[in-house]
Every structure is written in C-alpha cells, then in structure tokens.
Amino acid sequence: RMDLSVGMESFIVQSFALRFGHNWQETVDAGTWTMGCGYVGPKLSFNYAFEHDWRNDLTMHKIDIWLPL
C-alpha cells in the first residue's frame, strides 16, 4: 500500500494563485481531489480550498486567513 500526493500552483497575477491537486491514500482507502485559490499579500493572506473525497463521497470547504506578525 502506498500514499501519494500531487499538486500544482499557478500565480495568475503577482498576488493571486490558483491551486489544484490529488491525494491517493491507499493505507486508509481514501482519494481526495482539491481545488483552491488564494491571495498572498504583504500584510494579509487569504486561502480557499474545496476538497472532495471521491471514495467516501465527502466534501469540505476550507478557508485560511494568515496575519504575519
């Protein structure tokens, strides 16, 4: 059994990124597709991700806000 994760990130403009990936987890019988976008600024970063586990038919939405100190 093996777990494998792949992903890609592309910056459309200097501070805005699009992301996608896939995660195969044979050890726990799961497989997840992910898509997301993010804004990376000097004082604030914001990320959104959509995850769908196609083996167990589960869907999640994730939001991150980063404030560097």
N, C-alpha and C. Protein backbone atom coordinates (compact mmCIF):
# COMPACT_ATOMS: atom_id res chain seq x y z
N ARG A 1 0.84 -1.19 0.00
CA ARG A 1 0.00 0.00 0.00
C ARG A 1 0.87 1.24 0.00
N MET A 2 0.40 2.27 -0.69
CA MET A 2 1.20 3.48 -0.84
C MET A 2 0.29 4.70 -0.83
N ASP A 3 0.80 5.80 -0.28
CA ASP A 3 0.12 7.10 -0.32
C ASP A 3 0.90 8.02 -1.24
N LEU A 4 0.19 8.81 -2.05
CA LEU A 4 0.82 9.71 -2.99
C LEU A 4 0.01 10.99 -3.10
N SER A 5 0.68 12.12 -3.07
CA SER A 5 0.02 13.42 -3.22
C SER A 5 0.72 14.21 -4.32
N VAL A 6 -0.07 14.84 -5.20
CA VAL A 6 0.47 15.71 -6.23
C VAL A 6 -0.36 16.99 -6.26
N GLY A 7 0.28 18.08 -6.63
CA GLY A 7 -0.43 19.34 -6.69
C GLY A 7 0.28 20.34 -7.57
N MET A 8 -0.44 21.38 -7.94
CA MET A 8 0.13 22.42 -8.78
C MET A 8 -0.43 23.76 -8.35
N GLU A 9 0.40 24.78 -8.41
CA GLU A 9 0.01 26.14 -8.07
C GLU A 9 0.48 27.06 -9.18
N SER A 10 -0.41 27.97 -9.60
CA SER A 10 -0.06 28.92 -10.65
C SER A 10 -0.50 30.31 -10.22
N PHE A 11 0.41 31.26 -10.31
CA PHE A 11 0.09 32.65 -9.99
C PHE A 11 -0.43 33.34 -11.25
N ILE A 12 -1.70 33.75 -11.22
CA ILE A 12 -2.32 34.43 -12.35
C ILE A 12 -1.77 35.85 -12.47
N VAL A 13 -1.79 36.59 -11.39
CA VAL A 13 -1.12 37.88 -11.26
C VAL A 13 -0.19 37.74 -10.06
N GLN A 14 0.53 38.76 -9.74
CA GLN A 14 1.58 38.65 -8.72
C GLN A 14 1.09 38.11 -7.37
N SER A 15 -0.09 38.46 -6.93
CA SER A 15 -0.55 38.08 -5.60
C SER A 15 -1.70 37.08 -5.57
N PHE A 16 -2.18 36.61 -6.72
CA PHE A 16 -3.35 35.73 -6.77
C PHE A 16 -2.95 34.37 -7.35
N ALA A 17 -3.23 33.29 -6.60
CA ALA A 17 -2.82 31.95 -7.01
C ALA A 17 -4.02 31.03 -7.19
N LEU A 18 -3.94 30.14 -8.18
CA LEU A 18 -4.89 29.05 -8.36
C LEU A 18 -4.17 27.75 -8.06
N ARG A 19 -4.86 26.82 -7.38
CA ARG A 19 -4.23 25.57 -6.96
C ARG A 19 -5.15 24.40 -7.24
N PHE A 20 -4.55 23.24 -7.56
CA PHE A 20 -5.31 22.01 -7.65
C PHE A 20 -4.40 20.85 -7.31
N GLY A 21 -5.00 19.74 -6.90
CA GLY A 21 -4.20 18.59 -6.54
C GLY A 21 -5.04 17.34 -6.36
N HIS A 22 -4.35 16.25 -6.11
CA HIS A 22 -5.00 14.97 -5.86
C HIS A 22 -4.18 14.21 -4.82
N ASN A 23 -4.88 13.50 -3.96
CA ASN A 23 -4.24 12.74 -2.89
C ASN A 23 -4.78 11.31 -2.93
N TRP A 24 -3.91 10.34 -3.20
CA TRP A 24 -4.27 8.93 -3.14
C TRP A 24 -3.79 8.39 -1.81
N GLN A 25 -4.67 7.88 -0.98
CA GLN A 25 -4.30 7.30 0.31
C GLN A 25 -4.79 5.86 0.36
N GLU A 26 -3.98 4.94 -0.13
CA GLU A 26 -4.36 3.53 -0.11
C GLU A 26 -4.35 2.95 1.29
N THR A 27 -3.56 3.53 2.19
CA THR A 27 -3.48 2.99 3.56
C THR A 27 -4.77 3.17 4.33
N VAL A 28 -5.58 4.18 3.98
CA VAL A 28 -6.88 4.39 4.66
C VAL A 28 -8.03 4.37 3.65
N ASP A 29 -7.78 3.89 2.42
CA ASP A 29 -8.79 3.76 1.37
C ASP A 29 -9.52 5.08 1.12
N ALA A 30 -8.76 6.13 0.80
CA ALA A 30 -9.33 7.44 0.52
C ALA A 30 -8.63 8.03 -0.70
N GLY A 31 -9.35 8.88 -1.41
CA GLY A 31 -8.80 9.61 -2.54
C GLY A 31 -9.46 10.98 -2.59
N THR A 32 -8.68 12.03 -2.61
CA THR A 32 -9.22 13.37 -2.50
C THR A 32 -8.75 14.25 -3.66
N TRP A 33 -9.71 14.92 -4.31
CA TRP A 33 -9.42 15.96 -5.29
C TRP A 33 -9.52 17.30 -4.59
N THR A 34 -8.61 18.23 -4.89
CA THR A 34 -8.65 19.55 -4.27
C THR A 34 -8.53 20.63 -5.34
N MET A 35 -9.22 21.74 -5.11
CA MET A 35 -9.10 22.93 -5.94
C MET A 35 -9.15 24.12 -4.99
N GLY A 36 -8.44 25.17 -5.33
CA GLY A 36 -8.47 26.34 -4.46
C GLY A 36 -7.88 27.56 -5.11
N CYS A 37 -7.97 28.64 -4.37
CA CYS A 37 -7.39 29.90 -4.81
C CYS A 37 -6.91 30.64 -3.58
N GLY A 38 -6.04 31.60 -3.81
CA GLY A 38 -5.51 32.35 -2.68
C GLY A 38 -4.97 33.71 -3.09
N TYR A 39 -4.98 34.58 -2.12
CA TYR A 39 -4.38 35.91 -2.26
C TYR A 39 -3.23 35.98 -1.27
N VAL A 40 -2.04 36.32 -1.75
CA VAL A 40 -0.86 36.42 -0.91
C VAL A 40 -0.40 37.87 -0.92
N GLY A 41 -0.69 38.57 0.15
CA GLY A 41 -0.32 39.98 0.25
C GLY A 41 0.77 40.19 1.29
N PRO A 42 1.28 41.40 1.40
CA PRO A 42 2.36 41.67 2.34
C PRO A 42 1.91 41.64 3.81
N LYS A 43 0.65 41.98 4.08
CA LYS A 43 0.19 42.03 5.47
C LYS A 43 -0.97 41.08 5.74
N LEU A 44 -1.53 40.47 4.69
CA LEU A 44 -2.67 39.57 4.85
C LEU A 44 -2.67 38.55 3.72
N SER A 45 -2.93 37.29 4.06
CA SER A 45 -3.07 36.24 3.05
C SER A 45 -4.39 35.53 3.30
N PHE A 46 -5.06 35.15 2.22
CA PHE A 46 -6.36 34.51 2.29
C PHE A 46 -6.35 33.31 1.34
N ASN A 47 -6.81 32.15 1.83
CA ASN A 47 -6.84 30.95 1.01
C ASN A 47 -8.19 30.26 1.13
N TYR A 48 -8.68 29.73 0.02
CA TYR A 48 -9.90 28.93 0.00
C TYR A 48 -9.58 27.61 -0.70
N ALA A 49 -10.11 26.52 -0.16
CA ALA A 49 -9.91 25.20 -0.77
C ALA A 49 -11.22 24.42 -0.75
N PHE A 50 -11.45 23.70 -1.84
CA PHE A 50 -12.58 22.78 -1.97
C PHE A 50 -11.98 21.38 -2.07
N GLU A 51 -12.41 20.48 -1.21
CA GLU A 51 -11.90 19.11 -1.22
C GLU A 51 -13.05 18.13 -1.38
N HIS A 52 -12.86 17.15 -2.25
CA HIS A 52 -13.87 16.11 -2.45
C HIS A 52 -13.21 14.74 -2.37
N ASP A 53 -13.61 13.95 -1.39
CA ASP A 53 -13.15 12.57 -1.24
C ASP A 53 -14.07 11.69 -2.08
N TRP A 54 -13.61 11.27 -3.24
CA TRP A 54 -14.45 10.55 -4.19
C TRP A 54 -14.72 9.11 -3.77
N ARG A 55 -13.89 8.54 -2.93
CA ARG A 55 -14.14 7.16 -2.48
C ARG A 55 -15.22 7.10 -1.40
N ASN A 56 -15.26 8.09 -0.53
CA ASN A 56 -16.22 8.10 0.57
C ASN A 56 -17.33 9.12 0.37
N ASP A 57 -17.34 9.83 -0.76
CA ASP A 57 -18.34 10.84 -1.10
C ASP A 57 -18.50 11.90 -0.01
N LEU A 58 -17.36 12.48 0.42
CA LEU A 58 -17.35 13.56 1.40
C LEU A 58 -16.82 14.83 0.73
N THR A 59 -17.39 15.98 1.10
CA THR A 59 -16.96 17.26 0.54
C THR A 59 -16.69 18.24 1.68
N MET A 60 -15.60 19.02 1.56
CA MET A 60 -15.24 20.02 2.56
C MET A 60 -14.86 21.32 1.88
N HIS A 61 -15.13 22.43 2.55
CA HIS A 61 -14.68 23.76 2.16
C HIS A 61 -13.78 24.26 3.28
N LYS A 62 -12.61 24.79 2.93
CA LYS A 62 -11.67 25.29 3.93
C LYS A 62 -11.29 26.73 3.60
N ILE A 63 -11.21 27.55 4.64
CA ILE A 63 -10.79 28.95 4.50
C ILE A 63 -9.69 29.23 5.51
N ASP A 64 -8.61 29.82 5.04
CA ASP A 64 -7.49 30.21 5.91
C ASP A 64 -7.25 31.70 5.75
N ILE A 65 -6.98 32.35 6.86
CA ILE A 65 -6.57 33.76 6.84
C ILE A 65 -5.28 33.85 7.64
N TRP A 66 -4.23 34.37 7.01
CA TRP A 66 -2.91 34.49 7.64
C TRP A 66 -2.61 35.96 7.91
N LEU A 67 -2.20 36.24 9.13
CA LEU A 67 -1.76 37.57 9.50
C LEU A 67 -0.33 37.45 10.03
N PRO A 68 0.68 37.78 9.22
CA PRO A 68 2.06 37.67 9.69
C PRO A 68 2.37 38.68 10.79
N LEU A 69 3.11 38.25 11.77
CA LEU A 69 3.48 39.15 12.88
C LEU A 69 4.88 39.68 12.73
